[in-house]
Amino acid sequence: SQFIADVIENSQMIAKEDLCIANGKLAWVLYCDIICLDYDG
C-alpha cells in the first residue's frame, strides 16, 4: 500500500489539483482498493 502511494506521488500520475471542485470547499477523494485474488509472485 505504501509502495503504491509512493508511486502515485512520485510519478505525478494524477495532479491532486485536478480533483478539487471548489477551492477550500469541495474535492474528490479516490479510494483505490487493490485486492489480490491469486498470489504467485
PDB file of all heavy atoms in Angstrom:
ATOM      1  N   SER A   1       0.837  -1.211   0.000  1.00  0.00           N
ATOM      2  CA  SER A   1       0.000   0.000   0.000  1.00  0.00           C
ATOM      3  C   SER A   1       0.868   1.257   0.000  1.00  0.00           C
ATOM      4  O   SER A   1       0.594   2.222  -0.721  1.00  0.00           O
ATOM      5  CB  SER A   1      -0.928   0.019   1.217  1.00  0.00           C
ATOM      6  OG  SER A   1      -1.871  -1.031   1.162  1.00  0.00           O
ATOM      7  N   GLN A   2       1.934   1.237   0.809  1.00  0.00           N
ATOM      8  CA  GLN A   2       2.840   2.384   0.877  1.00  0.00           C
ATOM      9  C   GLN A   2       3.580   2.563  -0.443  1.00  0.00           C
ATOM     10  O   GLN A   2       3.780   3.695  -0.917  1.00  0.00           O
ATOM     11  CB  GLN A   2       3.844   2.200   2.021  1.00  0.00           C
ATOM     12  CG  GLN A   2       4.750   3.411   2.257  1.00  0.00           C
ATOM     13  CD  GLN A   2       3.977   4.673   2.557  1.00  0.00           C
ATOM     14  OE1 GLN A   2       3.146   4.707   3.462  1.00  0.00           O
ATOM     15  NE2 GLN A   2       4.226   5.731   1.781  1.00  0.00           N
ATOM     16  N   PHE A   3       3.981   1.446  -1.055  1.00  0.00           N
ATOM     17  CA  PHE A   3       4.662   1.498  -2.356  1.00  0.00           C
ATOM     18  C   PHE A   3       3.760   2.157  -3.400  1.00  0.00           C
ATOM     19  O   PHE A   3       4.204   3.034  -4.153  1.00  0.00           O
ATOM     20  CB  PHE A   3       5.049   0.075  -2.788  1.00  0.00           C
ATOM     21  CG  PHE A   3       5.504  -0.015  -4.222  1.00  0.00           C
ATOM     22  CD1 PHE A   3       6.791   0.353  -4.585  1.00  0.00           C
ATOM     23  CD2 PHE A   3       4.639  -0.468  -5.214  1.00  0.00           C
ATOM     24  CE1 PHE A   3       7.213   0.279  -5.915  1.00  0.00           C
ATOM     25  CE2 PHE A   3       5.046  -0.552  -6.536  1.00  0.00           C
ATOM     26  CZ  PHE A   3       6.338  -0.170  -6.888  1.00  0.00           C
ATOM     27  N   ILE A   4       2.480   1.744  -3.439  1.00  0.00           N
ATOM     28  CA  ILE A   4       1.533   2.306  -4.406  1.00  0.00           C
ATOM     29  C   ILE A   4       1.348   3.800  -4.146  1.00  0.00           C
ATOM     30  O   ILE A   4       1.315   4.612  -5.082  1.00  0.00           O
ATOM     31  CB  ILE A   4       0.166   1.584  -4.334  1.00  0.00           C
ATOM     32  CG1 ILE A   4       0.315   0.104  -4.742  1.00  0.00           C
ATOM     33  CG2 ILE A   4      -0.874   2.281  -5.202  1.00  0.00           C
ATOM     34  CD1 ILE A   4       0.652  -0.133  -6.188  1.00  0.00           C
ATOM     35  N   ALA A   5       1.241   4.183  -2.862  1.00  0.00           N
ATOM     36  CA  ALA A   5       1.095   5.602  -2.509  1.00  0.00           C
ATOM     37  C   ALA A   5       2.305   6.408  -2.997  1.00  0.00           C
ATOM     38  O   ALA A   5       2.162   7.520  -3.520  1.00  0.00           O
ATOM     39  CB  ALA A   5       0.929   5.752  -0.998  1.00  0.00           C
ATOM     40  N   ASP A   6       3.503   5.827  -2.838  1.00  0.00           N
ATOM     41  CA  ASP A   6       4.733   6.498  -3.283  1.00  0.00           C
ATOM     42  C   ASP A   6       4.770   6.636  -4.801  1.00  0.00           C
ATOM     43  O   ASP A   6       5.211   7.660  -5.338  1.00  0.00           O
ATOM     44  CB  ASP A   6       5.973   5.727  -2.805  1.00  0.00           C
ATOM     45  CG  ASP A   6       6.149   5.795  -1.290  1.00  0.00           C
ATOM     46  OD1 ASP A   6       5.541   6.693  -0.659  1.00  0.00           O
ATOM     47  OD2 ASP A   6       6.867   4.932  -0.737  1.00  0.00           O
ATOM     48  N   VAL A   7       4.322   5.606  -5.513  1.00  0.00           N
ATOM     49  CA  VAL A   7       4.291   5.647  -6.986  1.00  0.00           C
ATOM     50  C   VAL A   7       3.354   6.750  -7.465  1.00  0.00           C
ATOM     51  O   VAL A   7       3.682   7.520  -8.374  1.00  0.00           O
ATOM     52  CB  VAL A   7       3.865   4.280  -7.568  1.00  0.00           C
ATOM     53  CG1 VAL A   7       3.544   4.401  -9.075  1.00  0.00           C
ATOM     54  CG2 VAL A   7       4.958   3.238  -7.360  1.00  0.00           C
ATOM     55  N   ILE A   8       2.175   6.843  -6.851  1.00  0.00           N
ATOM     56  CA  ILE A   8       1.204   7.886  -7.216  1.00  0.00           C
ATOM     57  C   ILE A   8       1.815   9.270  -7.007  1.00  0.00           C
ATOM     58  O   ILE A   8       1.707  10.154  -7.868  1.00  0.00           O
ATOM     59  CB  ILE A   8      -0.091   7.740  -6.382  1.00  0.00           C
ATOM     60  CG1 ILE A   8      -0.823   6.451  -6.754  1.00  0.00           C
ATOM     61  CG2 ILE A   8      -1.011   8.943  -6.589  1.00  0.00           C
ATOM     62  CD1 ILE A   8      -1.955   6.071  -5.803  1.00  0.00           C
ATOM     63  N   GLU A   9       2.494   9.445  -5.873  1.00  0.00           N
ATOM     64  CA  GLU A   9       3.088  10.743  -5.519  1.00  0.00           C
ATOM     65  C   GLU A   9       4.280  11.070  -6.416  1.00  0.00           C
ATOM     66  O   GLU A   9       4.369  12.175  -6.978  1.00  0.00           O
ATOM     67  CB  GLU A   9       3.527  10.709  -4.046  1.00  0.00           C
ATOM     68  CG  GLU A   9       3.880  12.059  -3.462  1.00  0.00           C
ATOM     69  CD  GLU A   9       2.693  12.980  -3.289  1.00  0.00           C
ATOM     70  OE1 GLU A   9       1.586  12.496  -2.977  1.00  0.00           O
ATOM     71  OE2 GLU A   9       2.876  14.194  -3.481  1.00  0.00           O
ATOM     72  N   ASN A  10       5.201  10.125  -6.564  1.00  0.00           N
ATOM     73  CA  ASN A  10       6.444  10.387  -7.301  1.00  0.00           C
ATOM     74  C   ASN A  10       6.236  10.533  -8.801  1.00  0.00           C
ATOM     75  O   ASN A  10       6.930  11.304  -9.463  1.00  0.00           O
ATOM     76  CB  ASN A  10       7.467   9.273  -7.041  1.00  0.00           C
ATOM     77  CG  ASN A  10       7.907   9.216  -5.595  1.00  0.00           C
ATOM     78  OD1 ASN A  10       7.783  10.194  -4.871  1.00  0.00           O
ATOM     79  ND2 ASN A  10       8.410   8.073  -5.160  1.00  0.00           N
ATOM     80  N   SER A  11       5.301   9.761  -9.347  1.00  0.00           N
ATOM     81  CA  SER A  11       5.083   9.794 -10.799  1.00  0.00           C
ATOM     82  C   SER A  11       4.223  10.978 -11.216  1.00  0.00           C
ATOM     83  O   SER A  11       4.216  11.357 -12.387  1.00  0.00           O
ATOM     84  CB  SER A  11       4.411   8.500 -11.262  1.00  0.00           C
ATOM     85  OG  SER A  11       3.077   8.418 -10.763  1.00  0.00           O
ATOM     86  N   GLN A  12       3.476  11.552 -10.242  1.00  0.00           N
ATOM     87  CA  GLN A  12       2.520  12.630 -10.554  1.00  0.00           C
ATOM     88  C   GLN A  12       1.509  12.177 -11.607  1.00  0.00           C
ATOM     89  O   GLN A  12       1.167  12.939 -12.518  1.00  0.00           O
ATOM     90  CB  GLN A  12       3.271  13.885 -11.035  1.00  0.00           C
ATOM     91  CG  GLN A  12       4.162  14.513  -9.971  1.00  0.00           C
ATOM     92  CD  GLN A  12       3.352  15.122  -8.813  1.00  0.00           C
ATOM     93  OE1 GLN A  12       2.581  16.036  -9.018  1.00  0.00           O
ATOM     94  NE2 GLN A  12       3.523  14.585  -7.619  1.00  0.00           N
ATOM     95  N   MET A  13       1.078  10.921 -11.499  1.00  0.00           N
ATOM     96  CA  MET A  13       0.144  10.373 -12.490  1.00  0.00           C
ATOM     97  C   MET A  13      -1.179  11.135 -12.496  1.00  0.00           C
ATOM     98  O   MET A  13      -1.820  11.276 -13.532  1.00  0.00           O
ATOM     99  CB  MET A  13      -0.084   8.878 -12.252  1.00  0.00           C
ATOM    100  CG  MET A  13      -0.747   8.514 -10.942  1.00  0.00           C
ATOM    101  SD  MET A  13      -0.766   6.711 -10.634  1.00  0.00           S
ATOM    102  CE  MET A  13      -1.671   6.081 -12.022  1.00  0.00           C
ATOM    103  N   ILE A  14      -1.581  11.628 -11.318  1.00  0.00           N
ATOM    104  CA  ILE A  14      -2.765  12.483 -11.215  1.00  0.00           C
ATOM    105  C   ILE A  14      -2.379  13.719 -10.413  1.00  0.00           C
ATOM    106  O   ILE A  14      -1.813  13.602  -9.322  1.00  0.00           O
ATOM    107  CB  ILE A  14      -3.929  11.742 -10.524  1.00  0.00           C
ATOM    108  CG1 ILE A  14      -4.407  10.581 -11.388  1.00  0.00           C
ATOM    109  CG2 ILE A  14      -5.099  12.693 -10.243  1.00  0.00           C
ATOM    110  CD1 ILE A  14      -5.451   9.716 -10.720  1.00  0.00           C
ATOM    111  N   ALA A  15      -2.684  14.890 -10.964  1.00  0.00           N
ATOM    112  CA  ALA A  15      -2.452  16.122 -10.202  1.00  0.00           C
ATOM    113  C   ALA A  15      -3.608  16.273  -9.215  1.00  0.00           C
ATOM    114  O   ALA A  15      -4.770  16.296  -9.619  1.00  0.00           O
ATOM    115  CB  ALA A  15      -2.392  17.315 -11.148  1.00  0.00           C
ATOM    116  N   LYS A  16      -3.288  16.348  -7.942  1.00  0.00           N
ATOM    117  CA  LYS A  16      -4.350  16.439  -6.931  1.00  0.00           C
ATOM    118  C   LYS A  16      -5.178  17.714  -7.080  1.00  0.00           C
ATOM    119  O   LYS A  16      -6.326  17.775  -6.648  1.00  0.00           O
ATOM    120  CB  LYS A  16      -3.749  16.343  -5.528  1.00  0.00           C
ATOM    121  CG  LYS A  16      -3.212  14.947  -5.213  1.00  0.00           C
ATOM    122  CD  LYS A  16      -2.568  14.875  -3.849  1.00  0.00           C
ATOM    123  CE  LYS A  16      -1.976  13.483  -3.615  1.00  0.00           C
ATOM    124  NZ  LYS A  16      -1.236  13.414  -2.350  1.00  0.00           N
ATOM    125  N   GLU A  17      -4.599  18.700  -7.743  1.00  0.00           N
ATOM    126  CA  GLU A  17      -5.338  19.936  -8.023  1.00  0.00           C
ATOM    127  C   GLU A  17      -6.510  19.657  -8.970  1.00  0.00           C
ATOM    128  O   GLU A  17      -7.541  20.346  -8.919  1.00  0.00           O
ATOM    129  CB  GLU A  17      -4.420  21.000  -8.639  1.00  0.00           C
ATOM    130  CG  GLU A  17      -3.391  21.572  -7.687  1.00  0.00           C
ATOM    131  CD  GLU A  17      -2.135  20.717  -7.545  1.00  0.00           C
ATOM    132  OE1 GLU A  17      -2.077  19.620  -8.160  1.00  0.00           O
ATOM    133  OE2 GLU A  17      -1.218  21.118  -6.810  1.00  0.00           O
ATOM    134  N   ASP A  18      -6.348  18.659  -9.841  1.00  0.00           N
ATOM    135  CA  ASP A  18      -7.425  18.297 -10.782  1.00  0.00           C
ATOM    136  C   ASP A  18      -8.640  17.715 -10.066  1.00  0.00           C
ATOM    137  O   ASP A  18      -9.731  17.639 -10.637  1.00  0.00           O
ATOM    138  CB  ASP A  18      -6.918  17.277 -11.815  1.00  0.00           C
ATOM    139  CG  ASP A  18      -5.893  17.873 -12.771  1.00  0.00           C
ATOM    140  OD1 ASP A  18      -5.841  19.116 -12.878  1.00  0.00           O
ATOM    141  OD2 ASP A  18      -5.152  17.102 -13.408  1.00  0.00           O
ATOM    142  N   LEU A  19      -8.448  17.271  -8.820  1.00  0.00           N
ATOM    143  CA  LEU A  19      -9.542  16.657  -8.058  1.00  0.00           C
ATOM    144  C   LEU A  19     -10.301  17.690  -7.224  1.00  0.00           C
ATOM    145  O   LEU A  19     -11.292  17.364  -6.579  1.00  0.00           O
ATOM    146  CB  LEU A  19      -8.994  15.557  -7.136  1.00  0.00           C
ATOM    147  CG  LEU A  19      -8.273  14.391  -7.825  1.00  0.00           C
ATOM    148  CD1 LEU A  19      -7.709  13.430  -6.790  1.00  0.00           C
ATOM    149  CD2 LEU A  19      -9.210  13.641  -8.768  1.00  0.00           C
ATOM    150  N   CYS A  20      -9.834  18.932  -7.263  1.00  0.00           N
ATOM    151  CA  CYS A  20     -10.507  19.987  -6.498  1.00  0.00           C
ATOM    152  C   CYS A  20     -11.690  20.530  -7.295  1.00  0.00           C
ATOM    153  O   CYS A  20     -11.573  20.812  -8.492  1.00  0.00           O
ATOM    154  CB  CYS A  20      -9.519  21.112  -6.185  1.00  0.00           C
ATOM    155  SG  CYS A  20     -10.242  22.420  -5.168  1.00  0.00           S
ATOM    156  N   ILE A  21     -12.842  20.651  -6.646  1.00  0.00           N
ATOM    157  CA  ILE A  21     -14.052  21.164  -7.292  1.00  0.00           C
ATOM    158  C   ILE A  21     -14.255  22.633  -6.947  1.00  0.00           C
ATOM    159  O   ILE A  21     -14.489  23.466  -7.820  1.00  0.00           O
ATOM    160  CB  ILE A  21     -15.281  20.332  -6.869  1.00  0.00           C
ATOM    161  CG1 ILE A  21     -15.108  18.877  -7.331  1.00  0.00           C
ATOM    162  CG2 ILE A  21     -16.574  20.926  -7.439  1.00  0.00           C
ATOM    163  CD1 ILE A  21     -16.024  17.895  -6.648  1.00  0.00           C
ATOM    164  N   ALA A  22     -14.166  22.957  -5.663  1.00  0.00           N
ATOM    165  CA  ALA A  22     -14.271  24.346  -5.206  1.00  0.00           C
ATOM    166  C   ALA A  22     -13.216  24.572  -4.134  1.00  0.00           C
ATOM    167  O   ALA A  22     -13.201  23.876  -3.118  1.00  0.00           O
ATOM    168  CB  ALA A  22     -15.667  24.633  -4.651  1.00  0.00           C
ATOM    169  N   ASN A  23     -12.337  25.526  -4.399  1.00  0.00           N
ATOM    170  CA  ASN A  23     -11.196  25.781  -3.506  1.00  0.00           C
ATOM    171  C   ASN A  23     -11.639  25.957  -2.048  1.00  0.00           C
ATOM    172  O   ASN A  23     -12.457  26.821  -1.729  1.00  0.00           O
ATOM    173  CB  ASN A  23     -10.472  27.044  -3.989  1.00  0.00           C
ATOM    174  CG  ASN A  23      -9.035  27.081  -3.497  1.00  0.00           C
ATOM    175  OD1 ASN A  23      -8.747  26.666  -2.377  1.00  0.00           O
ATOM    176  ND2 ASN A  23      -8.145  27.576  -4.327  1.00  0.00           N
ATOM    177  N   GLY A  24     -11.080  25.088  -1.190  1.00  0.00           N
ATOM    178  CA  GLY A  24     -11.375  25.169   0.237  1.00  0.00           C
ATOM    179  C   GLY A  24     -12.736  24.638   0.646  1.00  0.00           C
ATOM    180  O   GLY A  24     -13.061  24.590   1.839  1.00  0.00           O
ATOM    181  N   LYS A  25     -13.545  24.212  -0.345  1.00  0.00           N
ATOM    182  CA  LYS A  25     -14.906  23.770  -0.019  1.00  0.00           C
ATOM    183  C   LYS A  25     -15.179  22.309  -0.367  1.00  0.00           C
ATOM    184  O   LYS A  25     -15.727  21.560   0.441  1.00  0.00           O
ATOM    185  CB  LYS A  25     -15.934  24.654  -0.755  1.00  0.00           C
ATOM    186  CG  LYS A  25     -15.950  26.090  -0.298  1.00  0.00           C
ATOM    187  CD  LYS A  25     -16.981  26.889  -1.084  1.00  0.00           C
ATOM    188  CE  LYS A  25     -16.996  28.354  -0.639  1.00  0.00           C
ATOM    189  NZ  LYS A  25     -17.959  29.143  -1.452  1.00  0.00           N
ATOM    190  N   LEU A  26     -14.771  21.906  -1.592  1.00  0.00           N
ATOM    191  CA  LEU A  26     -15.165  20.563  -2.050  1.00  0.00           C
ATOM    192  C   LEU A  26     -14.108  19.953  -2.971  1.00  0.00           C
ATOM    193  O   LEU A  26     -13.560  20.654  -3.835  1.00  0.00           O
ATOM    194  CB  LEU A  26     -16.510  20.643  -2.785  1.00  0.00           C
ATOM    195  CG  LEU A  26     -17.327  19.356  -2.928  1.00  0.00           C
ATOM    196  CD1 LEU A  26     -17.740  18.816  -1.554  1.00  0.00           C
ATOM    197  CD2 LEU A  26     -18.566  19.607  -3.777  1.00  0.00           C
ATOM    198  N   ALA A  27     -13.849  18.662  -2.790  1.00  0.00           N
ATOM    199  CA  ALA A  27     -12.875  17.959  -3.636  1.00  0.00           C
ATOM    200  C   ALA A  27     -13.253  16.482  -3.730  1.00  0.00           C
ATOM    201  O   ALA A  27     -14.024  15.967  -2.913  1.00  0.00           O
ATOM    202  CB  ALA A  27     -11.469  18.105  -3.056  1.00  0.00           C
ATOM    203  N   TRP A  28     -12.688  15.845  -4.735  1.00  0.00           N
ATOM    204  CA  TRP A  28     -12.900  14.396  -4.896  1.00  0.00           C
ATOM    205  C   TRP A  28     -11.899  13.620  -4.045  1.00  0.00           C
ATOM    206  O   TRP A  28     -10.742  14.010  -3.928  1.00  0.00           O
ATOM    207  CB  TRP A  28     -12.715  13.976  -6.348  1.00  0.00           C
ATOM    208  CG  TRP A  28     -13.840  14.356  -7.269  1.00  0.00           C
ATOM    209  CD1 TRP A  28     -13.816  15.305  -8.253  1.00  0.00           C
ATOM    210  CD2 TRP A  28     -15.149  13.773  -7.310  1.00  0.00           C
ATOM    211  NE1 TRP A  28     -15.022  15.366  -8.889  1.00  0.00           N
ATOM    212  CE2 TRP A  28     -15.876  14.428  -8.336  1.00  0.00           C
ATOM    213  CE3 TRP A  28     -15.784  12.772  -6.577  1.00  0.00           C
ATOM    214  CZ2 TRP A  28     -17.188  14.116  -8.647  1.00  0.00           C
ATOM    215  CZ3 TRP A  28     -17.098  12.449  -6.885  1.00  0.00           C
ATOM    216  CH2 TRP A  28     -17.782  13.113  -7.906  1.00  0.00           C
ATOM    217  N   VAL A  29     -12.364  12.506  -3.494  1.00  0.00           N
ATOM    218  CA  VAL A  29     -11.484  11.525  -2.856  1.00  0.00           C
ATOM    219  C   VAL A  29     -11.582  10.247  -3.680  1.00  0.00           C
ATOM    220  O   VAL A  29     -12.694   9.746  -3.919  1.00  0.00           O
ATOM    221  CB  VAL A  29     -11.925  11.202  -1.410  1.00  0.00           C
ATOM    222  CG1 VAL A  29     -10.926  10.241  -0.767  1.00  0.00           C
ATOM    223  CG2 VAL A  29     -12.039  12.455  -0.585  1.00  0.00           C
ATOM    224  N   LEU A  30     -10.448   9.746  -4.148  1.00  0.00           N
ATOM    225  CA  LEU A  30     -10.436   8.499  -4.914  1.00  0.00           C
ATOM    226  C   LEU A  30      -9.925   7.367  -4.022  1.00  0.00           C
ATOM    227  O   LEU A  30      -8.745   7.330  -3.665  1.00  0.00           O
ATOM    228  CB  LEU A  30      -9.541   8.638  -6.155  1.00  0.00           C
ATOM    229  CG  LEU A  30      -9.909   9.730  -7.166  1.00  0.00           C
ATOM    230  CD1 LEU A  30      -8.914   9.725  -8.323  1.00  0.00           C
ATOM    231  CD2 LEU A  30     -11.338   9.560  -7.681  1.00  0.00           C
ATOM    232  N   TYR A  31     -10.819   6.475  -3.642  1.00  0.00           N
ATOM    233  CA  TYR A  31     -10.422   5.298  -2.861  1.00  0.00           C
ATOM    234  C   TYR A  31     -10.078   4.176  -3.849  1.00  0.00           C
ATOM    235  O   TYR A  31     -10.938   3.716  -4.603  1.00  0.00           O
ATOM    236  CB  TYR A  31     -11.561   4.853  -1.936  1.00  0.00           C
ATOM    237  CG  TYR A  31     -11.849   5.835  -0.829  1.00  0.00           C
ATOM    238  CD1 TYR A  31     -12.927   6.723  -0.906  1.00  0.00           C
ATOM    239  CD2 TYR A  31     -11.038   5.901   0.309  1.00  0.00           C
ATOM    240  CE1 TYR A  31     -13.184   7.631   0.108  1.00  0.00           C
ATOM    241  CE2 TYR A  31     -11.285   6.814   1.328  1.00  0.00           C
ATOM    242  CZ  TYR A  31     -12.360   7.675   1.223  1.00  0.00           C
ATOM    243  OH  TYR A  31     -12.605   8.577   2.220  1.00  0.00           O
ATOM    244  N   CYS A  32      -8.812   3.776  -3.850  1.00  0.00           N
ATOM    245  CA  CYS A  32      -8.338   2.760  -4.802  1.00  0.00           C
ATOM    246  C   CYS A  32      -8.072   1.455  -4.047  1.00  0.00           C
ATOM    247  O   CYS A  32      -7.033   1.322  -3.379  1.00  0.00           O
ATOM    248  CB  CYS A  32      -7.066   3.235  -5.500  1.00  0.00           C
ATOM    249  SG  CYS A  32      -7.227   4.872  -6.249  1.00  0.00           S
ATOM    250  N   ASP A  33      -9.002   0.525  -4.136  1.00  0.00           N
ATOM    251  CA  ASP A  33      -8.852  -0.765  -3.450  1.00  0.00           C
ATOM    252  C   ASP A  33      -8.274  -1.792  -4.416  1.00  0.00           C
ATOM    253  O   ASP A  33      -8.885  -2.103  -5.450  1.00  0.00           O
ATOM    254  CB  ASP A  33     -10.202  -1.248  -2.915  1.00  0.00           C
ATOM    255  CG  ASP A  33     -10.652  -0.430  -1.708  1.00  0.00           C
ATOM    256  OD1 ASP A  33      -9.835  -0.243  -0.801  1.00  0.00           O
ATOM    257  OD2 ASP A  33     -11.805   0.031  -1.691  1.00  0.00           O
ATOM    258  N   ILE A  34      -7.101  -2.296  -4.074  1.00  0.00           N
ATOM    259  CA  ILE A  34      -6.408  -3.294  -4.906  1.00  0.00           C
ATOM    260  C   ILE A  34      -6.417  -4.611  -4.140  1.00  0.00           C
ATOM    261  O   ILE A  34      -5.834  -4.713  -3.062  1.00  0.00           O
ATOM    262  CB  ILE A  34      -4.967  -2.837  -5.207  1.00  0.00           C
ATOM    263  CG1 ILE A  34      -4.974  -1.481  -5.937  1.00  0.00           C
ATOM    264  CG2 ILE A  34      -4.222  -3.883  -6.024  1.00  0.00           C
ATOM    265  CD1 ILE A  34      -3.635  -0.774  -5.955  1.00  0.00           C
ATOM    266  N   ILE A  35      -7.100  -5.599  -4.698  1.00  0.00           N
ATOM    267  CA  ILE A  35      -7.262  -6.872  -3.995  1.00  0.00           C
ATOM    268  C   ILE A  35      -6.627  -8.002  -4.817  1.00  0.00           C
ATOM    269  O   ILE A  35      -6.920  -8.158  -6.002  1.00  0.00           O
ATOM    270  CB  ILE A  35      -8.760  -7.188  -3.763  1.00  0.00           C
ATOM    271  CG1 ILE A  35      -9.413  -6.036  -2.985  1.00  0.00           C
ATOM    272  CG2 ILE A  35      -8.933  -8.495  -3.005  1.00  0.00           C
ATOM    273  CD1 ILE A  35     -10.923  -6.054  -3.005  1.00  0.00           C
ATOM    274  N   CYS A  36      -5.753  -8.754  -4.182  1.00  0.00           N
ATOM    275  CA  CYS A  36      -5.120  -9.896  -4.844  1.00  0.00           C
ATOM    276  C   CYS A  36      -6.033 -11.109  -4.724  1.00  0.00           C
ATOM    277  O   CYS A  36      -6.409 -11.516  -3.625  1.00  0.00           O
ATOM    278  CB  CYS A  36      -3.763 -10.185  -4.213  1.00  0.00           C
ATOM    279  SG  CYS A  36      -2.861 -11.513  -5.031  1.00  0.00           S
ATOM    280  N   LEU A  37      -6.419 -11.676  -5.853  1.00  0.00           N
ATOM    281  CA  LEU A  37      -7.293 -12.851  -5.869  1.00  0.00           C
ATOM    282  C   LEU A  37      -6.500 -14.150  -5.925  1.00  0.00           C
ATOM    283  O   LEU A  37      -6.956 -15.178  -5.444  1.00  0.00           O
ATOM    284  CB  LEU A  37      -8.252 -12.782  -7.068  1.00  0.00           C
ATOM    285  CG  LEU A  37      -9.132 -11.522  -7.179  1.00  0.00           C
ATOM    286  CD1 LEU A  37      -9.990 -11.586  -8.435  1.00  0.00           C
ATOM    287  CD2 LEU A  37      -9.998 -11.354  -5.943  1.00  0.00           C
ATOM    288  N   ASP A  38      -5.322 -14.082  -6.533  1.00  0.00           N
ATOM    289  CA  ASP A  38      -4.461 -15.268  -6.648  1.00  0.00           C
ATOM    290  C   ASP A  38      -3.021 -14.780  -6.633  1.00  0.00           C
ATOM    291  O   ASP A  38      -2.626 -13.972  -7.478  1.00  0.00           O
ATOM    292  CB  ASP A  38      -4.775 -16.015  -7.954  1.00  0.00           C
ATOM    293  CG  ASP A  38      -4.123 -17.391  -8.008  1.00  0.00           C
ATOM    294  OD1 ASP A  38      -3.330 -17.715  -7.097  1.00  0.00           O
ATOM    295  OD2 ASP A  38      -4.395 -18.152  -8.955  1.00  0.00           O
ATOM    296  N   TYR A  39      -2.239 -15.238  -5.643  1.00  0.00           N
ATOM    297  CA  TYR A  39      -0.876 -14.733  -5.474  1.00  0.00           C
ATOM    298  C   TYR A  39       0.145 -15.754  -5.964  1.00  0.00           C
ATOM    299  O   TYR A  39       0.226 -16.860  -5.445  1.00  0.00           O
ATOM    300  CB  TYR A  39      -0.617 -14.409  -3.994  1.00  0.00           C
ATOM    301  CG  TYR A  39       0.759 -13.861  -3.729  1.00  0.00           C
ATOM    302  CD1 TYR A  39       1.006 -12.502  -3.812  1.00  0.00           C
ATOM    303  CD2 TYR A  39       1.818 -14.706  -3.413  1.00  0.00           C
ATOM    304  CE1 TYR A  39       2.279 -11.986  -3.579  1.00  0.00           C
ATOM    305  CE2 TYR A  39       3.087 -14.210  -3.180  1.00  0.00           C
ATOM    306  CZ  TYR A  39       3.309 -12.847  -3.272  1.00  0.00           C
ATOM    307  OH  TYR A  39       4.574 -12.352  -3.052  1.00  0.00           O
ATOM    308  N   ASP A  40       0.911 -15.358  -6.976  1.00  0.00           N
ATOM    309  CA  ASP A  40       2.031 -16.182  -7.420  1.00  0.00           C
ATOM    310  C   ASP A  40       3.211 -15.278  -7.770  1.00  0.00           C
ATOM    311  O   ASP A  40       3.776 -15.358  -8.858  1.00  0.00           O
ATOM    312  CB  ASP A  40       1.642 -17.056  -8.616  1.00  0.00           C
ATOM    313  CG  ASP A  40       2.740 -18.047  -8.986  1.00  0.00           C
ATOM    314  OD1 ASP A  40       3.594 -18.354  -8.116  1.00  0.00           O
ATOM    315  OD2 ASP A  40       2.783 -18.510 -10.146  1.00  0.00           O
ATOM    316  N   GLY A  41       3.551 -14.391  -6.833  1.00  0.00           N
ATOM    317  CA  GLY A  41       4.714 -13.533  -7.018  1.00  0.00           C
ATOM    318  C   GLY A  41       4.422 -12.258  -7.790  1.00  0.00           C
ATOM    319  O   GLY A  41       3.391 -12.116  -8.446  1.00  0.00           O
TER     320      GLY A  41
END
